[in-house]
């Protein structure tokens, strides 16, 4: 079964310093039809104004991935980690039994555009931890590059859930087939550009859910940047 989730149907909030789209119910946006997909709980598409950001705040029992599309994101947390994430980087923060962090756009003139993704862990109360890896454009172009997995395979960041996250850049005649094992599901999110996904045309912000399907096919990309989630 294939189900589409158009980007224009997502929740939206404009806080002045932050403009954000919610693929799933989040904060003041509630839609009982879209509360998650398996352990995938949040995909927020955020744009942070120059010099602004999220003040220190606390999370627990969630795997939080940050994927930057444009600009830079400065991270600080209560474990003592500090870094700046730019396009091509993936940050994983396992909140575990509790962690405090902040995220800022330190550029005085450019907007930071990124995806924040939450995946529910298989086990609660873990020690909080942090990891960051780089996946340059060549690693993602024309192939499904594994960027997050339960075992850190292929240099991916390690998440505490039986889920795998892939990223790809498609532009032209490339055709990718992702096989879905029995009992699993897939979620495709188009971060930018356009792509044909299992015969459906998706544009930036659109998503496709695949349940009881053998595969997802991605092809005819037009400057497309796509994330694919393989989920229990």
N, C-alpha and C. Protein backbone atom coordinates (compact mmCIF):
# COMPACT_ATOMS: atom_id res chain seq x y z
N UNK A 1 0.85 -1.20 0.00
CA UNK A 1 0.00 0.00 0.00
C UNK A 1 0.89 1.25 0.00
N UNK A 2 0.61 2.14 -0.90
CA UNK A 2 1.32 3.41 -1.02
C UNK A 2 0.39 4.54 -0.58
N UNK A 3 0.90 5.40 0.29
CA UNK A 3 0.14 6.57 0.74
C UNK A 3 1.03 7.81 0.61
N UNK A 4 0.49 8.88 0.09
CA UNK A 4 1.24 10.12 -0.08
C UNK A 4 0.92 11.10 1.02
N UNK A 5 1.90 11.89 1.39
CA UNK A 5 1.74 12.98 2.35
C UNK A 5 2.35 14.22 1.70
N UNK A 6 1.50 15.09 1.18
CA UNK A 6 1.99 16.26 0.47
C UNK A 6 2.53 17.31 1.44
N UNK A 7 3.59 17.96 1.00
CA UNK A 7 4.23 18.96 1.86
C UNK A 7 3.30 20.07 2.28
N UNK A 8 2.38 20.45 1.39
CA UNK A 8 1.46 21.55 1.70
C UNK A 8 0.46 21.17 2.78
N UNK A 9 0.33 19.87 3.06
CA UNK A 9 -0.62 19.41 4.08
C UNK A 9 0.00 19.37 5.48
N UNK A 10 1.30 19.59 5.58
CA UNK A 10 1.98 19.51 6.88
C UNK A 10 1.55 20.65 7.80
N UNK A 11 1.79 20.43 9.09
CA UNK A 11 1.61 21.53 10.03
C UNK A 11 2.65 22.60 9.79
N UNK A 12 2.31 23.84 10.14
CA UNK A 12 3.24 24.96 9.92
C UNK A 12 3.13 25.95 11.06
N UNK A 13 4.28 26.49 11.46
CA UNK A 13 4.30 27.53 12.49
C UNK A 13 5.35 28.57 12.11
N UNK A 14 5.01 29.83 12.32
CA UNK A 14 5.93 30.94 12.08
C UNK A 14 6.14 31.67 13.40
N UNK A 15 7.32 31.48 13.98
CA UNK A 15 7.65 32.11 15.26
C UNK A 15 8.51 33.37 15.08
N UNK A 16 8.58 33.84 13.84
CA UNK A 16 9.43 34.99 13.57
C UNK A 16 10.86 34.54 13.30
N UNK A 17 11.56 34.17 14.35
CA UNK A 17 12.95 33.69 14.21
C UNK A 17 13.02 32.27 13.65
N UNK A 18 11.89 31.54 13.71
CA UNK A 18 11.83 30.15 13.26
C UNK A 18 10.58 29.93 12.42
N UNK A 19 10.79 29.40 11.22
CA UNK A 19 9.68 28.95 10.39
C UNK A 19 9.81 27.44 10.25
N UNK A 20 8.74 26.70 10.58
CA UNK A 20 8.87 25.26 10.67
C UNK A 20 7.65 24.52 10.13
N UNK A 21 7.92 23.46 9.37
CA UNK A 21 6.90 22.54 8.89
C UNK A 21 7.01 21.24 9.67
N UNK A 22 5.86 20.67 10.05
CA UNK A 22 5.83 19.43 10.82
C UNK A 22 5.17 18.33 9.99
N UNK A 23 5.93 17.29 9.66
CA UNK A 23 5.35 16.16 8.94
C UNK A 23 4.42 15.34 9.82
N UNK A 24 4.71 15.34 11.15
CA UNK A 24 3.89 14.62 12.11
C UNK A 24 3.48 15.57 13.23
N UNK A 25 2.48 15.17 13.98
CA UNK A 25 1.99 15.99 15.08
C UNK A 25 3.15 16.39 16.00
N UNK A 26 3.20 17.68 16.32
CA UNK A 26 4.33 18.21 17.09
C UNK A 26 3.92 19.55 17.69
N UNK A 27 4.30 19.76 18.97
CA UNK A 27 4.02 21.03 19.66
C UNK A 27 2.53 21.36 19.54
N UNK A 28 2.18 22.53 18.99
CA UNK A 28 0.77 22.93 18.91
C UNK A 28 0.04 22.34 17.71
N UNK A 29 0.76 21.64 16.85
CA UNK A 29 0.12 21.01 15.69
C UNK A 29 -0.27 19.58 16.05
N UNK A 30 -1.56 19.27 15.91
CA UNK A 30 -2.05 17.93 16.23
C UNK A 30 -2.95 17.45 15.11
N UNK A 31 -2.61 16.28 14.56
CA UNK A 31 -3.43 15.62 13.56
C UNK A 31 -3.40 14.13 13.89
N UNK A 32 -4.51 13.57 14.35
CA UNK A 32 -4.51 12.16 14.76
C UNK A 32 -4.18 11.20 13.62
N UNK A 33 -4.27 11.67 12.36
CA UNK A 33 -3.91 10.81 11.23
C UNK A 33 -2.40 10.74 11.01
N UNK A 34 -1.68 11.68 11.63
CA UNK A 34 -0.23 11.77 11.40
C UNK A 34 0.48 12.01 12.74
N UNK A 35 0.63 10.92 13.49
CA UNK A 35 1.31 11.00 14.79
C UNK A 35 2.64 10.27 14.78
N UNK A 36 3.01 9.71 13.65
CA UNK A 36 4.25 8.98 13.52
C UNK A 36 4.07 7.87 12.50
N UNK A 37 5.17 7.18 12.22
CA UNK A 37 5.15 6.06 11.27
C UNK A 37 6.13 5.03 11.79
N UNK A 38 5.58 3.98 12.45
CA UNK A 38 6.46 3.09 13.19
C UNK A 38 7.18 3.88 14.27
N UNK A 39 8.48 3.67 14.44
CA UNK A 39 9.23 4.44 15.44
C UNK A 39 9.61 5.85 15.00
N UNK A 40 9.33 6.20 13.75
CA UNK A 40 9.61 7.56 13.27
C UNK A 40 8.55 8.50 13.81
N UNK A 41 8.96 9.45 14.64
CA UNK A 41 8.01 10.31 15.34
C UNK A 41 7.99 11.76 14.85
N UNK A 42 9.10 12.26 14.35
CA UNK A 42 9.17 13.68 13.99
C UNK A 42 10.05 13.84 12.75
N UNK A 43 9.56 14.62 11.78
CA UNK A 43 10.41 15.25 10.76
C UNK A 43 9.98 16.70 10.70
N UNK A 44 10.79 17.56 11.26
CA UNK A 44 10.53 19.00 11.22
C UNK A 44 11.49 19.65 10.24
N UNK A 45 10.94 20.40 9.31
CA UNK A 45 11.76 21.18 8.39
C UNK A 45 11.84 22.61 8.93
N UNK A 46 13.00 22.96 9.46
CA UNK A 46 13.17 24.23 10.17
C UNK A 46 14.03 25.20 9.38
N UNK A 47 13.66 26.46 9.46
CA UNK A 47 14.48 27.56 8.94
C UNK A 47 14.69 28.56 10.08
N UNK A 48 15.94 28.70 10.51
CA UNK A 48 16.29 29.57 11.63
C UNK A 48 16.87 30.87 11.09
N UNK A 49 16.33 31.98 11.54
CA UNK A 49 16.79 33.29 11.08
C UNK A 49 18.23 33.55 11.52
N UNK A 50 18.93 34.43 10.81
CA UNK A 50 20.31 34.77 11.19
C UNK A 50 20.40 35.22 12.66
N UNK A 51 21.39 34.69 13.36
CA UNK A 51 21.65 35.09 14.73
C UNK A 51 20.67 34.58 15.76
N UNK A 52 19.78 33.65 15.37
CA UNK A 52 18.75 33.14 16.28
C UNK A 52 18.94 31.65 16.52
N UNK A 53 18.12 31.09 17.41
CA UNK A 53 18.22 29.66 17.64
C UNK A 53 17.42 29.20 18.84
N UNK A 54 17.53 27.92 19.11
CA UNK A 54 16.84 27.28 20.23
C UNK A 54 17.70 27.43 21.49
N UNK A 55 17.17 28.09 22.51
CA UNK A 55 17.86 28.20 23.78
C UNK A 55 17.98 26.82 24.42
N UNK A 56 18.85 26.65 25.42
CA UNK A 56 18.99 25.33 26.06
C UNK A 56 17.64 24.77 26.51
N UNK A 57 17.40 23.52 26.15
CA UNK A 57 16.16 22.84 26.52
C UNK A 57 16.46 21.35 26.65
N UNK A 58 15.55 20.62 27.24
CA UNK A 58 15.83 19.24 27.64
C UNK A 58 15.01 18.24 26.83
N UNK A 59 15.62 17.08 26.56
CA UNK A 59 14.95 15.95 25.93
C UNK A 59 15.28 14.68 26.71
N UNK A 60 14.46 13.65 26.49
CA UNK A 60 14.79 12.33 27.00
C UNK A 60 14.16 11.25 26.11
N UNK A 61 14.80 10.08 26.12
CA UNK A 61 14.29 8.88 25.44
C UNK A 61 13.88 9.14 24.01
N UNK A 62 14.80 9.72 23.24
CA UNK A 62 14.56 9.92 21.82
C UNK A 62 15.90 9.95 21.09
N UNK A 63 15.94 9.36 19.89
CA UNK A 63 17.09 9.48 19.00
C UNK A 63 16.83 10.68 18.10
N UNK A 64 17.68 11.70 18.18
CA UNK A 64 17.45 12.96 17.47
C UNK A 64 18.54 13.13 16.43
N UNK A 65 18.12 13.22 15.16
CA UNK A 65 19.04 13.40 14.04
C UNK A 65 18.85 14.80 13.47
N UNK A 66 19.96 15.49 13.21
CA UNK A 66 19.91 16.81 12.57
C UNK A 66 20.66 16.72 11.24
N UNK A 67 19.97 17.12 10.16
CA UNK A 67 20.48 17.01 8.79
C UNK A 67 20.37 18.39 8.15
N UNK A 68 21.51 19.05 7.94
CA UNK A 68 21.52 20.43 7.47
C UNK A 68 21.45 20.47 5.94
N UNK A 69 20.56 21.32 5.43
CA UNK A 69 20.41 21.51 3.99
C UNK A 69 21.11 22.77 3.50
N UNK A 70 21.15 23.81 4.31
CA UNK A 70 21.82 25.05 3.94
C UNK A 70 22.19 25.81 5.20
N UNK A 71 23.29 26.53 5.14
CA UNK A 71 23.74 27.29 6.31
C UNK A 71 24.50 26.40 7.28
N UNK A 72 24.48 26.79 8.55
CA UNK A 72 25.22 26.07 9.58
C UNK A 72 24.43 26.10 10.88
N UNK A 73 24.62 25.06 11.68
CA UNK A 73 23.91 24.91 12.94
C UNK A 73 24.93 24.63 14.04
N UNK A 74 24.99 25.51 15.04
CA UNK A 74 25.92 25.34 16.16
C UNK A 74 25.21 24.58 17.27
N UNK A 75 25.86 23.52 17.74
CA UNK A 75 25.30 22.64 18.76
C UNK A 75 26.13 22.71 20.04
N UNK A 76 25.42 22.77 21.18
CA UNK A 76 26.05 22.63 22.50
C UNK A 76 25.15 21.76 23.35
N UNK A 77 25.75 20.91 24.21
CA UNK A 77 24.91 20.08 25.07
C UNK A 77 25.54 19.89 26.44
N UNK A 78 24.76 19.29 27.33
CA UNK A 78 25.17 19.14 28.73
C UNK A 78 26.21 18.05 28.92
N UNK A 79 26.55 17.30 27.86
CA UNK A 79 27.65 16.34 27.92
C UNK A 79 28.99 17.01 27.64
N UNK A 80 28.94 18.29 27.24
CA UNK A 80 30.15 19.01 26.92
C UNK A 80 30.48 19.03 25.44
N UNK A 81 29.60 18.48 24.60
CA UNK A 81 29.84 18.49 23.16
C UNK A 81 29.54 19.86 22.57
N UNK A 82 30.34 20.24 21.61
CA UNK A 82 30.12 21.48 20.87
C UNK A 82 30.62 21.31 19.45
N UNK A 83 29.78 21.66 18.48
CA UNK A 83 30.18 21.49 17.08
C UNK A 83 29.33 22.40 16.21
N UNK A 84 29.75 22.56 14.97
CA UNK A 84 28.97 23.27 13.97
C UNK A 84 28.69 22.30 12.84
N UNK A 85 27.41 22.15 12.52
CA UNK A 85 26.97 21.20 11.50
C UNK A 85 26.66 21.96 10.22
N UNK A 86 27.18 21.46 9.10
CA UNK A 86 26.97 22.09 7.79
C UNK A 86 26.43 21.04 6.83
N UNK A 87 25.98 21.44 5.62
CA UNK A 87 25.47 20.45 4.68
C UNK A 87 26.46 19.32 4.44
N UNK A 88 25.95 18.10 4.47
CA UNK A 88 26.78 16.91 4.35
C UNK A 88 27.04 16.25 5.69
N UNK A 89 26.77 16.95 6.78
CA UNK A 89 26.94 16.39 8.12
C UNK A 89 25.63 15.81 8.63
N UNK A 90 25.74 14.78 9.45
CA UNK A 90 24.60 14.25 10.19
C UNK A 90 25.00 14.17 11.65
N UNK A 91 24.17 14.74 12.49
CA UNK A 91 24.39 14.69 13.94
C UNK A 91 23.36 13.77 14.57
N UNK A 92 23.82 12.91 15.47
CA UNK A 92 22.93 12.04 16.23
C UNK A 92 23.11 12.33 17.72
N UNK A 93 22.01 12.65 18.36
CA UNK A 93 22.01 12.84 19.80
C UNK A 93 21.01 11.88 20.41
N UNK A 94 21.49 10.94 21.20
CA UNK A 94 20.62 10.02 21.92
C UNK A 94 20.32 10.64 23.27
N UNK A 95 19.07 11.06 23.46
CA UNK A 95 18.72 11.79 24.68
C UNK A 95 18.73 10.89 25.90
N UNK A 96 18.39 9.60 25.71
CA UNK A 96 18.44 8.66 26.82
C UNK A 96 17.66 9.15 28.04
N UNK A 97 18.28 9.01 29.20
CA UNK A 97 17.57 9.38 30.43
C UNK A 97 17.54 10.90 30.67
N UNK A 98 18.16 11.67 29.74
CA UNK A 98 18.02 13.12 29.82
C UNK A 98 19.26 13.85 29.36
N UNK A 99 19.07 14.85 28.50
CA UNK A 99 20.16 15.68 28.02
C UNK A 99 19.61 17.07 27.71
N UNK A 100 20.41 18.10 27.93
CA UNK A 100 20.04 19.47 27.60
C UNK A 100 20.93 19.93 26.46
N UNK A 101 20.33 20.62 25.48
CA UNK A 101 21.14 21.11 24.37
C UNK A 101 20.56 22.41 23.82
N UNK A 102 21.37 23.10 23.03
CA UNK A 102 20.94 24.31 22.33
C UNK A 102 21.40 24.20 20.89
N UNK A 103 20.69 24.92 20.01
CA UNK A 103 21.02 24.93 18.58
C UNK A 103 20.87 26.35 18.07
N UNK A 104 21.93 26.88 17.47
CA UNK A 104 21.91 28.28 17.04
C UNK A 104 22.44 28.43 15.62
N UNK A 105 21.92 29.44 14.96
CA UNK A 105 22.46 29.91 13.69
C UNK A 105 23.32 31.13 14.00
N UNK A 106 24.63 30.94 13.98
CA UNK A 106 25.53 32.02 14.33
C UNK A 106 25.84 32.99 13.21
N UNK A 107 25.35 32.72 12.01
CA UNK A 107 25.61 33.59 10.86
C UNK A 107 24.73 34.83 10.97
N UNK A 108 25.29 36.02 10.84
CA UNK A 108 24.49 37.25 10.97
C UNK A 108 23.66 37.59 9.75
N UNK A 109 23.85 36.83 8.64
CA UNK A 109 23.14 37.22 7.42
C UNK A 109 22.43 36.07 6.70
N UNK A 110 22.75 34.82 7.01
CA UNK A 110 22.19 33.69 6.27
C UNK A 110 21.26 32.85 7.14
N UNK A 111 20.20 32.33 6.53
CA UNK A 111 19.26 31.44 7.21
C UNK A 111 19.81 30.02 7.25
N UNK A 112 19.59 29.33 8.35
CA UNK A 112 19.94 27.90 8.45
C UNK A 112 18.68 27.07 8.16
N UNK A 113 18.82 26.16 7.22
CA UNK A 113 17.72 25.30 6.79
C UNK A 113 18.11 23.87 7.10
N UNK A 114 17.33 23.19 7.95
CA UNK A 114 17.71 21.82 8.31
C UNK A 114 16.48 21.00 8.66
N UNK A 115 16.68 19.70 8.67
CA UNK A 115 15.68 18.75 9.11
C UNK A 115 16.05 18.22 10.48
N UNK A 116 15.11 18.24 11.41
CA UNK A 116 15.30 17.56 12.69
C UNK A 116 14.36 16.37 12.72
N UNK A 117 14.94 15.21 12.99
CA UNK A 117 14.25 13.93 12.91
C UNK A 117 14.32 13.25 14.26
N UNK A 118 13.18 12.77 14.74
CA UNK A 118 13.14 12.02 16.00
C UNK A 118 12.71 10.59 15.71
N UNK A 119 13.47 9.65 16.25
CA UNK A 119 13.15 8.23 16.16
C UNK A 119 13.09 7.68 17.58
N UNK A 120 11.99 7.01 17.89
CA UNK A 120 11.84 6.46 19.23
C UNK A 120 12.80 5.29 19.43
N UNK A 121 13.58 5.28 20.51
CA UNK A 121 14.53 4.17 20.73
C UNK A 121 13.81 2.89 21.14
N UNK A 122 14.50 1.78 20.95
CA UNK A 122 13.93 0.49 21.34
C UNK A 122 13.97 0.29 22.85
N UNK A 123 14.89 1.00 23.52
CA UNK A 123 15.08 0.87 24.97
C UNK A 123 15.09 2.27 25.58
N UNK A 124 14.39 2.43 26.69
CA UNK A 124 14.38 3.72 27.38
C UNK A 124 15.43 3.75 28.50
N UNK A 125 15.78 4.95 28.91
CA UNK A 125 16.68 5.12 30.04
C UNK A 125 18.14 4.86 29.75
N UNK A 126 18.54 4.95 28.46
CA UNK A 126 19.94 4.74 28.09
C UNK A 126 20.80 5.92 28.53
N UNK A 127 22.10 5.70 28.56
CA UNK A 127 23.01 6.82 28.79
C UNK A 127 22.92 7.77 27.59
N UNK A 128 22.81 9.07 27.81
CA UNK A 128 22.80 10.00 26.67
C UNK A 128 24.14 9.97 25.95
N UNK A 129 24.12 10.19 24.65
CA UNK A 129 25.35 10.16 23.87
C UNK A 129 25.20 11.00 22.61
N UNK A 130 26.32 11.21 21.94
CA UNK A 130 26.37 12.14 20.81
C UNK A 130 27.33 11.59 19.75
N UNK A 131 26.99 11.83 18.49
CA UNK A 131 27.85 11.39 17.39
C UNK A 131 27.59 12.28 16.18
N UNK A 132 28.64 12.51 15.41
CA UNK A 132 28.51 13.32 14.20
C UNK A 132 29.38 12.71 13.11
N UNK A 133 28.82 12.58 11.91
CA UNK A 133 29.56 12.03 10.78
C UNK A 133 29.31 12.90 9.55
N UNK A 134 30.26 12.82 8.61
CA UNK A 134 30.12 13.57 7.36
C UNK A 134 29.87 12.60 6.20
N UNK A 135 28.92 12.96 5.35
CA UNK A 135 28.60 12.18 4.16
C UNK A 135 28.58 13.16 2.99
N UNK A 136 29.70 13.28 2.29
CA UNK A 136 29.79 14.32 1.27
C UNK A 136 28.91 13.99 0.07
N UNK A 137 28.81 14.94 -0.84
CA UNK A 137 27.88 14.80 -1.96
C UNK A 137 28.22 13.60 -2.82
N UNK A 138 29.49 13.31 -3.01
CA UNK A 138 29.87 12.17 -3.85
C UNK A 138 29.38 10.85 -3.26
N UNK A 139 29.35 10.76 -1.93
CA UNK A 139 28.90 9.53 -1.27
C UNK A 139 27.41 9.32 -1.43
N UNK A 140 26.66 10.41 -1.67
CA UNK A 140 25.20 10.32 -1.75
C UNK A 140 24.67 10.37 -3.17
N UNK A 141 25.51 10.82 -4.11
CA UNK A 141 25.01 11.07 -5.46
C UNK A 141 24.76 9.75 -6.21
N UNK A 142 23.51 9.57 -6.63
CA UNK A 142 23.15 8.41 -7.44
C UNK A 142 23.13 7.10 -6.70
N UNK A 143 23.15 7.13 -5.37
CA UNK A 143 23.11 5.89 -4.60
C UNK A 143 22.45 6.16 -3.26
N UNK A 144 21.94 5.11 -2.65
CA UNK A 144 21.38 5.22 -1.31
C UNK A 144 22.50 5.05 -0.32
N UNK A 145 22.90 6.14 0.28
CA UNK A 145 24.01 6.16 1.24
C UNK A 145 23.43 5.96 2.65
N UNK A 146 23.86 4.91 3.33
CA UNK A 146 23.39 4.64 4.68
C UNK A 146 24.00 5.66 5.64
N UNK A 147 23.15 6.45 6.30
CA UNK A 147 23.66 7.49 7.20
C UNK A 147 23.35 7.22 8.67
N UNK A 148 22.38 6.33 8.96
CA UNK A 148 22.06 5.96 10.34
C UNK A 148 21.57 4.53 10.36
N UNK A 149 22.01 3.78 11.38
CA UNK A 149 21.65 2.36 11.46
C UNK A 149 21.84 1.89 12.90
N UNK A 150 21.30 0.70 13.25
CA UNK A 150 21.45 0.22 14.62
C UNK A 150 22.84 -0.30 14.95
N UNK A 151 23.66 -0.55 13.90
CA UNK A 151 24.99 -1.11 14.15
C UNK A 151 26.14 -0.25 13.61
N UNK A 152 25.83 0.95 13.14
CA UNK A 152 26.88 1.82 12.63
C UNK A 152 27.51 1.31 11.34
N UNK A 153 26.79 0.49 10.59
CA UNK A 153 27.32 -0.09 9.36
C UNK A 153 27.69 0.99 8.34
N UNK A 154 28.72 0.71 7.55
CA UNK A 154 29.14 1.57 6.44
C UNK A 154 29.47 2.99 6.89
N UNK A 155 29.91 3.13 8.12
CA UNK A 155 30.28 4.44 8.63
C UNK A 155 29.12 5.31 9.04
N UNK A 156 27.93 4.73 9.16
CA UNK A 156 26.74 5.50 9.56
C UNK A 156 26.78 5.78 11.06
N UNK A 157 25.98 6.76 11.48
CA UNK A 157 25.83 6.99 12.92
C UNK A 157 24.97 5.87 13.49
N UNK A 158 25.16 5.58 14.77
CA UNK A 158 24.46 4.46 15.39
C UNK A 158 23.25 4.97 16.16
N UNK A 159 22.10 4.40 15.86
CA UNK A 159 20.88 4.74 16.59
C UNK A 159 20.38 3.50 17.33
N UNK A 160 19.66 3.74 18.41
CA UNK A 160 19.21 2.65 19.28
C UNK A 160 17.80 2.19 18.89
N UNK A 161 17.69 1.79 17.63
CA UNK A 161 16.42 1.31 17.09
C UNK A 161 16.73 0.53 15.82
N UNK A 162 15.91 -0.48 15.51
CA UNK A 162 16.09 -1.28 14.30
C UNK A 162 15.55 -0.51 13.10
N UNK A 163 16.18 0.60 12.81
CA UNK A 163 15.78 1.46 11.71
C UNK A 163 17.04 1.87 10.94
N UNK A 164 16.87 2.10 9.65
CA UNK A 164 17.99 2.54 8.82
C UNK A 164 17.55 3.75 8.02
N UNK A 165 18.43 4.74 7.96
CA UNK A 165 18.15 5.97 7.24
C UNK A 165 19.16 6.12 6.12
N UNK A 166 18.66 6.38 4.92
CA UNK A 166 19.51 6.55 3.74
C UNK A 166 19.30 7.96 3.18
N UNK A 167 20.35 8.49 2.56
CA UNK A 167 20.26 9.77 1.88
C UNK A 167 20.77 9.60 0.45
N UNK A 168 20.15 10.31 -0.48
CA UNK A 168 20.60 10.26 -1.86
C UNK A 168 20.40 11.60 -2.55
N UNK A 169 21.22 11.85 -3.54
CA UNK A 169 21.09 12.99 -4.45
C UNK A 169 20.86 12.43 -5.84
N UNK A 170 19.76 12.82 -6.46
CA UNK A 170 19.38 12.29 -7.76
C UNK A 170 19.10 13.43 -8.73
N UNK A 171 19.68 13.34 -9.92
CA UNK A 171 19.46 14.38 -10.93
C UNK A 171 19.70 13.78 -12.31
N UNK A 172 18.63 13.29 -12.91
CA UNK A 172 18.79 12.73 -14.24
C UNK A 172 18.27 11.32 -14.34
N UNK A 173 19.08 10.46 -14.94
CA UNK A 173 18.60 9.13 -15.33
C UNK A 173 18.82 8.06 -14.26
N UNK A 174 19.37 8.41 -13.09
CA UNK A 174 19.61 7.37 -12.08
C UNK A 174 18.30 6.71 -11.66
N UNK A 175 18.39 5.44 -11.35
CA UNK A 175 17.23 4.68 -10.88
C UNK A 175 17.69 3.81 -9.71
N UNK A 176 17.08 4.01 -8.56
CA UNK A 176 17.45 3.27 -7.35
C UNK A 176 16.28 2.43 -6.88
N UNK A 177 16.58 1.19 -6.50
CA UNK A 177 15.56 0.29 -5.97
C UNK A 177 15.95 -0.10 -4.55
N UNK A 178 15.07 0.19 -3.61
CA UNK A 178 15.29 -0.22 -2.22
C UNK A 178 14.32 -1.33 -1.88
N UNK A 179 14.87 -2.53 -1.62
CA UNK A 179 14.04 -3.68 -1.27
C UNK A 179 13.59 -3.57 0.18
N UNK A 180 12.32 -3.88 0.42
CA UNK A 180 11.73 -3.83 1.76
C UNK A 180 11.49 -5.25 2.23
N UNK A 181 12.12 -5.63 3.34
CA UNK A 181 11.96 -6.99 3.86
C UNK A 181 10.53 -7.20 4.38
N UNK A 182 10.06 -8.44 4.36
CA UNK A 182 8.72 -8.72 4.88
C UNK A 182 8.56 -8.22 6.32
N UNK A 183 7.43 -7.60 6.59
CA UNK A 183 7.15 -7.09 7.92
C UNK A 183 7.71 -5.71 8.21
N UNK A 184 8.42 -5.13 7.22
CA UNK A 184 8.97 -3.79 7.41
C UNK A 184 8.24 -2.79 6.50
N UNK A 185 8.54 -1.53 6.71
CA UNK A 185 7.89 -0.46 5.95
C UNK A 185 8.95 0.58 5.57
N UNK A 186 8.59 1.45 4.65
CA UNK A 186 9.52 2.50 4.22
C UNK A 186 8.82 3.85 4.17
N UNK A 187 9.59 4.88 4.43
CA UNK A 187 9.09 6.26 4.38
C UNK A 187 10.08 7.07 3.56
N UNK A 188 9.60 7.75 2.54
CA UNK A 188 10.45 8.59 1.69
C UNK A 188 10.09 10.05 1.93
N UNK A 189 11.10 10.87 2.22
CA UNK A 189 10.89 12.31 2.40
C UNK A 189 11.78 13.06 1.42
N UNK A 190 11.17 13.92 0.62
CA UNK A 190 11.93 14.72 -0.34
C UNK A 190 12.31 16.05 0.33
N UNK A 191 13.60 16.24 0.52
CA UNK A 191 14.08 17.45 1.18
C UNK A 191 14.10 18.64 0.22
N UNK A 192 14.41 18.37 -1.05
CA UNK A 192 14.36 19.42 -2.07
C UNK A 192 14.39 18.78 -3.45
N UNK A 193 14.05 19.58 -4.45
CA UNK A 193 13.96 19.06 -5.80
C UNK A 193 12.72 18.24 -6.01
N UNK A 194 12.78 17.32 -6.97
CA UNK A 194 11.64 16.46 -7.29
C UNK A 194 12.15 15.10 -7.73
N UNK A 195 11.30 14.08 -7.52
CA UNK A 195 11.69 12.72 -7.87
C UNK A 195 10.43 11.90 -8.10
N UNK A 196 10.55 10.86 -8.91
CA UNK A 196 9.48 9.89 -9.08
C UNK A 196 9.74 8.75 -8.09
N UNK A 197 8.81 8.53 -7.16
CA UNK A 197 8.95 7.50 -6.13
C UNK A 197 7.84 6.48 -6.31
N UNK A 198 8.23 5.26 -6.71
CA UNK A 198 7.25 4.20 -6.97
C UNK A 198 6.11 4.69 -7.85
N UNK A 199 6.48 5.46 -8.87
CA UNK A 199 5.51 5.94 -9.85
C UNK A 199 4.80 7.22 -9.48
N UNK A 200 5.05 7.75 -8.28
CA UNK A 200 4.39 8.98 -7.82
C UNK A 200 5.38 10.14 -7.86
N UNK A 201 4.93 11.26 -8.44
CA UNK A 201 5.81 12.43 -8.50
C UNK A 201 5.79 13.16 -7.16
N UNK A 202 6.96 13.29 -6.55
CA UNK A 202 7.09 13.98 -5.27
C UNK A 202 7.98 15.19 -5.45
N UNK A 203 7.59 16.28 -4.78
CA UNK A 203 8.40 17.49 -4.76
C UNK A 203 8.81 17.81 -3.34
N UNK A 204 9.59 18.87 -3.17
CA UNK A 204 10.15 19.22 -1.86
C UNK A 204 9.04 19.30 -0.80
N UNK A 205 9.26 18.60 0.30
CA UNK A 205 8.30 18.56 1.39
C UNK A 205 7.34 17.39 1.33
N UNK A 206 7.22 16.76 0.15
CA UNK A 206 6.32 15.62 -0.01
C UNK A 206 6.94 14.36 0.60
N UNK A 207 6.07 13.41 0.92
CA UNK A 207 6.53 12.13 1.47
C UNK A 207 5.68 11.01 0.92
N UNK A 208 6.24 9.80 0.97
CA UNK A 208 5.55 8.59 0.56
C UNK A 208 5.72 7.54 1.64
N UNK A 209 4.60 6.90 2.02
CA UNK A 209 4.63 5.79 2.97
C UNK A 209 4.38 4.49 2.19
N UNK A 210 5.23 3.48 2.44
CA UNK A 210 5.08 2.19 1.78
C UNK A 210 4.91 1.11 2.84
N UNK A 211 3.76 0.46 2.84
CA UNK A 211 3.45 -0.61 3.79
C UNK A 211 3.04 -1.85 2.99
N UNK A 212 3.58 -2.99 3.37
CA UNK A 212 3.32 -4.25 2.66
C UNK A 212 3.69 -4.14 1.18
N UNK A 213 4.77 -3.45 0.91
CA UNK A 213 5.33 -3.34 -0.43
C UNK A 213 6.67 -4.07 -0.46
N UNK A 214 7.05 -4.58 -1.64
CA UNK A 214 8.32 -5.29 -1.78
C UNK A 214 9.51 -4.34 -1.94
N UNK A 215 9.24 -3.14 -2.47
CA UNK A 215 10.34 -2.23 -2.78
C UNK A 215 9.81 -0.82 -2.97
N UNK A 216 10.74 0.13 -2.90
CA UNK A 216 10.49 1.51 -3.30
C UNK A 216 11.49 1.83 -4.41
N UNK A 217 11.01 2.44 -5.47
CA UNK A 217 11.85 2.80 -6.60
C UNK A 217 11.94 4.32 -6.69
N UNK A 218 13.16 4.85 -6.77
CA UNK A 218 13.39 6.28 -6.93
C UNK A 218 14.05 6.51 -8.28
N UNK A 219 13.48 7.43 -9.07
CA UNK A 219 14.02 7.68 -10.41
C UNK A 219 13.60 9.06 -10.90
N UNK A 220 14.19 9.47 -12.03
CA UNK A 220 13.87 10.74 -12.69
C UNK A 220 13.99 11.92 -11.72
N UNK A 221 15.04 11.94 -10.99
CA UNK A 221 15.27 13.03 -10.06
C UNK A 221 15.61 14.33 -10.78
N UNK A 222 15.15 15.43 -10.20
CA UNK A 222 15.47 16.77 -10.71
C UNK A 222 16.02 17.56 -9.54
N UNK A 223 17.37 17.61 -9.45
CA UNK A 223 18.05 18.27 -8.32
C UNK A 223 17.46 17.80 -6.99
N UNK A 224 17.21 16.49 -6.89
CA UNK A 224 16.51 15.94 -5.72
C UNK A 224 17.48 15.55 -4.61
N UNK A 225 17.11 15.87 -3.39
CA UNK A 225 17.78 15.37 -2.19
C UNK A 225 16.70 14.65 -1.38
N UNK A 226 16.92 13.36 -1.14
CA UNK A 226 15.88 12.50 -0.61
C UNK A 226 16.41 11.70 0.58
N UNK A 227 15.57 11.56 1.60
CA UNK A 227 15.84 10.65 2.71
C UNK A 227 14.87 9.49 2.63
N UNK A 228 15.39 8.28 2.86
CA UNK A 228 14.56 7.08 2.88
C UNK A 228 14.76 6.39 4.21
N UNK A 229 13.66 6.07 4.88
CA UNK A 229 13.69 5.42 6.18
C UNK A 229 13.17 3.98 6.02
N UNK A 230 13.95 3.00 6.43
CA UNK A 230 13.54 1.61 6.45
C UNK A 230 13.23 1.27 7.91
N UNK A 231 11.97 0.93 8.19
CA UNK A 231 11.47 0.91 9.57
C UNK A 231 10.76 -0.40 9.89
N UNK A 232 10.79 -0.80 11.18
CA UNK A 232 10.03 -1.98 11.58
C UNK A 232 8.53 -1.69 11.59
